[in-house]
PDB file of N, CA and C in Angstrom:
ATOM      1  N   UNK A   1       1.050  -1.483   0.024  1.00  0.00           N
ATOM      2  CA  UNK A   1      -0.343   0.293  -0.140  1.00  0.00           C
ATOM      3  C   UNK A   1       0.761   1.532   0.030  1.00  0.00           C
ATOM      4  N   UNK A   2       0.406   2.408  -0.812  1.00  0.00           N
ATOM      5  CA  UNK A   2       1.543   3.665  -0.672  1.00  0.00           C
ATOM      6  C   UNK A   2       1.089   4.536   0.642  1.00  0.00           C
ATOM      7  N   UNK A   3       1.896   4.949   0.938  1.00  0.00           N
ATOM      8  CA  UNK A   3       1.876   6.210   2.133  1.00  0.00           C
ATOM      9  C   UNK A   3       0.845   7.076   1.394  1.00  0.00           C
ATOM     10  N   UNK A   4       0.499   7.938   2.394  1.00  0.00           N
ATOM     11  CA  UNK A   4      -0.493   8.935   2.114  1.00  0.00           C
ATOM     12  C   UNK A   4       0.241   9.768   1.479  1.00  0.00           C
ATOM     13  N   UNK A   5       1.160   9.970   1.743  1.00  0.00           N
ATOM     14  CA  UNK A   5       1.943  11.413   0.875  1.00  0.00           C
ATOM     15  C   UNK A   5       2.293  11.023  -0.681  1.00  0.00           C
ATOM     16  N   UNK A   6       2.710   9.848  -0.946  1.00  0.00           N
ATOM     17  CA  UNK A   6       2.853   9.391  -2.306  1.00  0.00           C
ATOM     18  C   UNK A   6       1.521   9.301  -2.918  1.00  0.00           C
ATOM     19  N   UNK A   7       0.387   9.024  -2.201  1.00  0.00           N
ATOM     20  CA  UNK A   7      -0.677   8.993  -2.864  1.00  0.00           C
ATOM     21  C   UNK A   7      -1.015  10.473  -3.011  1.00  0.00           C
ATOM     22  N   UNK A   8      -0.752  11.253  -2.567  1.00  0.00           N
ATOM     23  CA  UNK A   8      -1.318  12.630  -2.497  1.00  0.00           C
ATOM     24  C   UNK A   8      -0.374  13.095  -3.697  1.00  0.00           C
ATOM     25  N   UNK A   9       0.900  12.885  -3.960  1.00  0.00           N
ATOM     26  CA  UNK A   9       1.985  13.478  -4.931  1.00  0.00           C
ATOM     27  C   UNK A   9       1.644  12.678  -6.171  1.00  0.00           C
ATOM     28  N   UNK A  10       0.899  11.819  -6.440  1.00  0.00           N
ATOM     29  CA  UNK A  10       0.257  10.814  -7.713  1.00  0.00           C
ATOM     30  C   UNK A  10      -0.755  11.797  -8.016  1.00  0.00           C
ATOM     31  N   UNK A  11      -1.870  11.918  -7.166  1.00  0.00           N
ATOM     32  CA  UNK A  11      -2.983  12.828  -7.400  1.00  0.00           C
ATOM     33  C   UNK A  11      -2.329  14.188  -7.988  1.00  0.00           C
ATOM     34  N   UNK A  12      -1.452  14.856  -7.153  1.00  0.00           N
ATOM     35  CA  UNK A  12      -1.243  16.181  -7.739  1.00  0.00           C
ATOM     36  C   UNK A  12      -0.582  16.087  -9.222  1.00  0.00           C
ATOM     37  N   UNK A  13       0.127  14.956  -9.776  1.00  0.00           N
ATOM     38  CA  UNK A  13       0.637  15.008 -10.667  1.00  0.00           C
ATOM     39  C   UNK A  13      -0.320  14.686 -11.516  1.00  0.00           C
ATOM     40  N   UNK A  14      -1.712  13.506 -11.641  1.00  0.00           N
ATOM     41  CA  UNK A  14      -2.802  13.421 -12.532  1.00  0.00           C
ATOM     42  C   UNK A  14      -3.250  15.066 -12.760  1.00  0.00           C
ATOM     43  N   UNK A  15      -3.324  15.397 -11.638  1.00  0.00           N
ATOM     44  CA  UNK A  15      -4.409  16.918 -11.580  1.00  0.00           C
ATOM     45  C   UNK A  15      -3.571  18.011 -12.563  1.00  0.00           C
ATOM     46  N   UNK A  16      -2.558  18.095 -12.079  1.00  0.00           N
ATOM     47  CA  UNK A  16      -1.700  19.335 -12.662  1.00  0.00           C
ATOM     48  C   UNK A  16      -0.892  19.381 -13.808  1.00  0.00           C
ATOM     49  N   UNK A  17      -0.521  17.858 -13.942  1.00  0.00           N
ATOM     50  CA  UNK A  17       0.526  17.366 -14.981  1.00  0.00           C
ATOM     51  C   UNK A  17       0.536  18.257 -16.576  1.00  0.00           C
ATOM     52  N   UNK A  18      -1.118  17.894 -16.960  1.00  0.00           N
ATOM     53  CA  UNK A  18      -1.368  18.533 -18.554  1.00  0.00           C
ATOM     54  C   UNK A  18      -0.936  20.568 -18.290  1.00  0.00           C
ATOM     55  N   UNK A  19      -1.692  20.889 -17.209  1.00  0.00           N
ATOM     56  CA  UNK A  19      -1.796  22.349 -17.393  1.00  0.00           C
ATOM     57  C   UNK A  19      -0.034  23.043 -17.495  1.00  0.00           C
ATOM     58  N   UNK A  20       0.673  22.368 -16.588  1.00  0.00           N
ATOM     59  CA  UNK A  20       2.199  22.609 -16.610  1.00  0.00           C
ATOM     60  C   UNK A  20       2.644  22.207 -17.762  1.00  0.00           C
ATOM     61  N   UNK A  21       2.260  21.016 -18.573  1.00  0.00           N
ATOM     62  CA  UNK A  21       3.149  20.555 -19.769  1.00  0.00           C
ATOM     63  C   UNK A  21       2.683  21.460 -20.778  1.00  0.00           C
ATOM     64  N   UNK A  22       1.379  21.494 -20.727  1.00  0.00           N
ATOM     65  CA  UNK A  22       1.023  22.931 -21.827  1.00  0.00           C
ATOM     66  C   UNK A  22       1.518  24.026 -21.823  1.00  0.00           C
ATOM     67  N   UNK A  23       1.705  24.472 -20.370  1.00  0.00           N
ATOM     68  CA  UNK A  23       2.350  26.153 -20.344  1.00  0.00           C
ATOM     69  C   UNK A  23       3.905  25.929 -21.156  1.00  0.00           C
ATOM     70  N   UNK A  24       4.549  25.081 -20.620  1.00  0.00           N
ATOM     71  CA  UNK A  24       6.013  24.865 -20.968  1.00  0.00           C
ATOM     72  C   UNK A  24       6.083  24.409 -22.053  1.00  0.00           C
ATOM     73  N   UNK A  25       5.237  23.734 -23.104  1.00  0.00           N
ATOM     74  CA  UNK A  25       5.326  23.761 -24.363  1.00  0.00           C
ATOM     75  C   UNK A  25       4.910  24.992 -24.851  1.00  0.00           C
ATOM     76  N   UNK A  26       3.905  25.984 -24.602  1.00  0.00           N
ATOM     77  CA  UNK A  26       3.792  26.967 -25.163  1.00  0.00           C
ATOM     78  C   UNK A  26       4.826  27.632 -25.092  1.00  0.00           C
ATOM     79  N   UNK A  27       5.538  27.886 -23.984  1.00  0.00           N
ATOM     80  CA  UNK A  27       6.730  28.930 -23.812  1.00  0.00           C
ATOM     81  C   UNK A  27       7.970  28.538 -24.706  1.00  0.00           C
ATOM     82  N   UNK A  28       8.220  27.324 -24.504  1.00  0.00           N
ATOM     83  CA  UNK A  28       9.311  26.951 -25.382  1.00  0.00           C
ATOM     84  C   UNK A  28       8.949  26.177 -26.548  1.00  0.00           C
ATOM     85  N   UNK A  29       8.167  26.143 -27.132  1.00  0.00           N
ATOM     86  CA  UNK A  29       7.711  25.456 -28.652  1.00  0.00           C
ATOM     87  C   UNK A  29       8.786  24.286 -28.800  1.00  0.00           C
ATOM     88  N   UNK A  30       8.554  23.286 -27.690  1.00  0.00           N
ATOM     89  CA  UNK A  30       9.457  21.755 -27.838  1.00  0.00           C
ATOM     90  C   UNK A  30       8.409  21.044 -27.174  1.00  0.00           C
ATOM     91  N   UNK A  31       7.908  20.417 -27.548  1.00  0.00           N
ATOM     92  CA  UNK A  31       7.020  18.902 -26.912  1.00  0.00           C
ATOM     93  C   UNK A  31       8.046  18.294 -26.194  1.00  0.00           C
ATOM     94  N   UNK A  32       8.605  17.789 -26.978  1.00  0.00           N
ATOM     95  CA  UNK A  32       9.587  16.676 -26.119  1.00  0.00           C
ATOM     96  C   UNK A  32      10.247  17.316 -25.038  1.00  0.00           C
ATOM     97  N   UNK A  33      10.694  18.253 -24.968  1.00  0.00           N
ATOM     98  CA  UNK A  33      11.621  19.136 -23.862  1.00  0.00           C
ATOM     99  C   UNK A  33      10.739  19.301 -22.840  1.00  0.00           C
ATOM    100  N   UNK A  34       9.376  19.906 -23.511  1.00  0.00           N
ATOM    101  CA  UNK A  34       8.569  20.156 -22.195  1.00  0.00           C
ATOM    102  C   UNK A  34       7.963  19.205 -21.278  1.00  0.00           C
ATOM    103  N   UNK A  35       7.512  17.923 -22.259  1.00  0.00           N
ATOM    104  CA  UNK A  35       7.386  16.849 -21.246  1.00  0.00           C
ATOM    105  C   UNK A  35       8.277  16.404 -20.150  1.00  0.00           C
ATOM    106  N   UNK A  36       9.871  16.440 -20.740  1.00  0.00           N
ATOM    107  CA  UNK A  36      10.924  16.252 -19.596  1.00  0.00           C
ATOM    108  C   UNK A  36      10.752  17.375 -18.479  1.00  0.00           C
ATOM    109  N   UNK A  37      10.774  18.542 -18.946  1.00  0.00           N
ATOM    110  CA  UNK A  37      10.733  19.466 -17.775  1.00  0.00           C
ATOM    111  C   UNK A  37       9.443  19.719 -17.045  1.00  0.00           C
ATOM    112  N   UNK A  38       8.145  19.527 -17.825  1.00  0.00           N
ATOM    113  CA  UNK A  38       7.247  19.110 -16.572  1.00  0.00           C
ATOM    114  C   UNK A  38       7.315  18.066 -15.960  1.00  0.00           C
ATOM    115  N   UNK A  39       8.026  16.997 -16.203  1.00  0.00           N
ATOM    116  CA  UNK A  39       8.123  15.771 -15.318  1.00  0.00           C
ATOM    117  C   UNK A  39       9.517  16.265 -14.019  1.00  0.00           C
ATOM    118  N   UNK A  40      10.296  17.035 -14.593  1.00  0.00           N
ATOM    119  CA  UNK A  40      11.124  17.802 -13.259  1.00  0.00           C
ATOM    120  C   UNK A  40      10.360  18.351 -12.698  1.00  0.00           C
ATOM    121  N   UNK A  41       9.789  19.157 -12.676  1.00  0.00           N
ATOM    122  CA  UNK A  41       8.971  20.145 -11.768  1.00  0.00           C
ATOM    123  C   UNK A  41       8.143  18.908 -10.650  1.00  0.00           C
ATOM    124  N   UNK A  42       7.661  17.969 -11.245  1.00  0.00           N
ATOM    125  CA  UNK A  42       7.373  16.513 -10.168  1.00  0.00           C
ATOM    126  C   UNK A  42       8.385  15.945  -9.209  1.00  0.00           C
ATOM    127  N   UNK A  43       9.522  15.836 -10.001  1.00  0.00           N
ATOM    128  CA  UNK A  43      10.687  15.152  -9.450  1.00  0.00           C
ATOM    129  C   UNK A  43      11.077  16.343  -8.366  1.00  0.00           C
ATOM    130  N   UNK A  44      11.188  17.256  -8.559  1.00  0.00           N
ATOM    131  CA  UNK A  44      11.594  18.196  -7.297  1.00  0.00           C
ATOM    132  C   UNK A  44      10.740  18.411  -6.825  1.00  0.00           C
ATOM    133  N   UNK A  45       8.983  18.450  -6.482  1.00  0.00           N
ATOM    134  CA  UNK A  45       8.347  18.055  -5.581  1.00  0.00           C
ATOM    135  C   UNK A  45       8.523  17.045  -4.869  1.00  0.00           C
ATOM    136  N   UNK A  46       8.288  15.900  -5.337  1.00  0.00           N
ATOM    137  CA  UNK A  46       8.832  14.536  -4.974  1.00  0.00           C
ATOM    138  C   UNK A  46      10.188  14.518  -4.141  1.00  0.00           C
ATOM    139  N   UNK A  47      11.162  15.100  -4.599  1.00  0.00           N
ATOM    140  CA  UNK A  47      12.405  15.022  -3.772  1.00  0.00           C
ATOM    141  C   UNK A  47      12.713  16.238  -2.537  1.00  0.00           C
ATOM    142  N   UNK A  48      11.295  16.888  -2.737  1.00  0.00           N
ATOM    143  CA  UNK A  48      11.573  18.052  -1.463  1.00  0.00           C
ATOM    144  C   UNK A  48      10.312  17.561  -0.774  1.00  0.00           C
ATOM    145  N   UNK A  49       9.711  16.922  -0.861  1.00  0.00           N
ATOM    146  CA  UNK A  49       8.329  16.570  -0.204  1.00  0.00           C
ATOM    147  C   UNK A  49       8.412  16.502   1.254  1.00  0.00           C
ATOM    148  N   UNK A  50       9.420  15.884   1.801  1.00  0.00           N
ATOM    149  CA  UNK A  50      10.072  16.078   3.226  1.00  0.00           C
ATOM    150  C   UNK A  50       9.884  17.707   4.149  1.00  0.00           C
ATOM    151  N   UNK A  51      10.131  18.545   3.227  1.00  0.00           N
ATOM    152  CA  UNK A  51      10.405  19.970   3.402  1.00  0.00           C
ATOM    153  C   UNK A  51       9.152  20.624   4.078  1.00  0.00           C
ATOM    154  N   UNK A  52       8.150  20.100   3.160  1.00  0.00           N
ATOM    155  CA  UNK A  52       6.870  20.793   3.107  1.00  0.00           C
ATOM    156  C   UNK A  52       6.088  20.441   4.664  1.00  0.00           C
ATOM    157  N   UNK A  53       5.588  21.580   5.140  1.00  0.00           N
ATOM    158  CA  UNK A  53       4.763  21.763   6.161  1.00  0.00           C
ATOM    159  C   UNK A  53       3.406  22.039   6.125  1.00  0.00           C
ATOM    160  N   UNK A  54       2.466  21.546   6.957  1.00  0.00           N
ATOM    161  CA  UNK A  54       0.980  21.670   6.762  1.00  0.00           C
ATOM    162  C   UNK A  54       0.600  23.338   7.184  1.00  0.00           C
ATOM    163  N   UNK A  55      -0.079  23.738   6.358  1.00  0.00           N
ATOM    164  CA  UNK A  55      -0.282  25.131   7.032  1.00  0.00           C
ATOM    165  C   UNK A  55      -1.163  24.987   8.126  1.00  0.00           C
ATOM    166  N   UNK A  56      -1.436  25.784   9.162  1.00  0.00           N
ATOM    167  CA  UNK A  56      -2.090  26.139  10.096  1.00  0.00           C
ATOM    168  C   UNK A  56      -3.002  27.117   9.921  1.00  0.00           C
ATOM    169  N   UNK A  57      -3.910  27.093  10.626  1.00  0.00           N
ATOM    170  CA  UNK A  57      -5.063  28.098  10.657  1.00  0.00           C
ATOM    171  C   UNK A  57      -4.954  28.681  12.010  1.00  0.00           C
ATOM    172  N   UNK A  58      -3.611  28.839  12.950  1.00  0.00           N
ATOM    173  CA  UNK A  58      -3.650  29.863  14.140  1.00  0.00           C
ATOM    174  C   UNK A  58      -2.456  30.318  13.955  1.00  0.00           C
TER     175      UNK A  58
END
């Protein structure tokens, strides 16, 4: 079973990859490189997920 954090990151990727990819592809006009860069965004998020802290209301 995947840890909750992993499931959240998978859901984040599923929800946002397309828009991030489309934006990068538009900006650099290179679809293959845009896919690599969009995946890099999520790799960086994954590598740094231990640094994130929940936002408190108080």
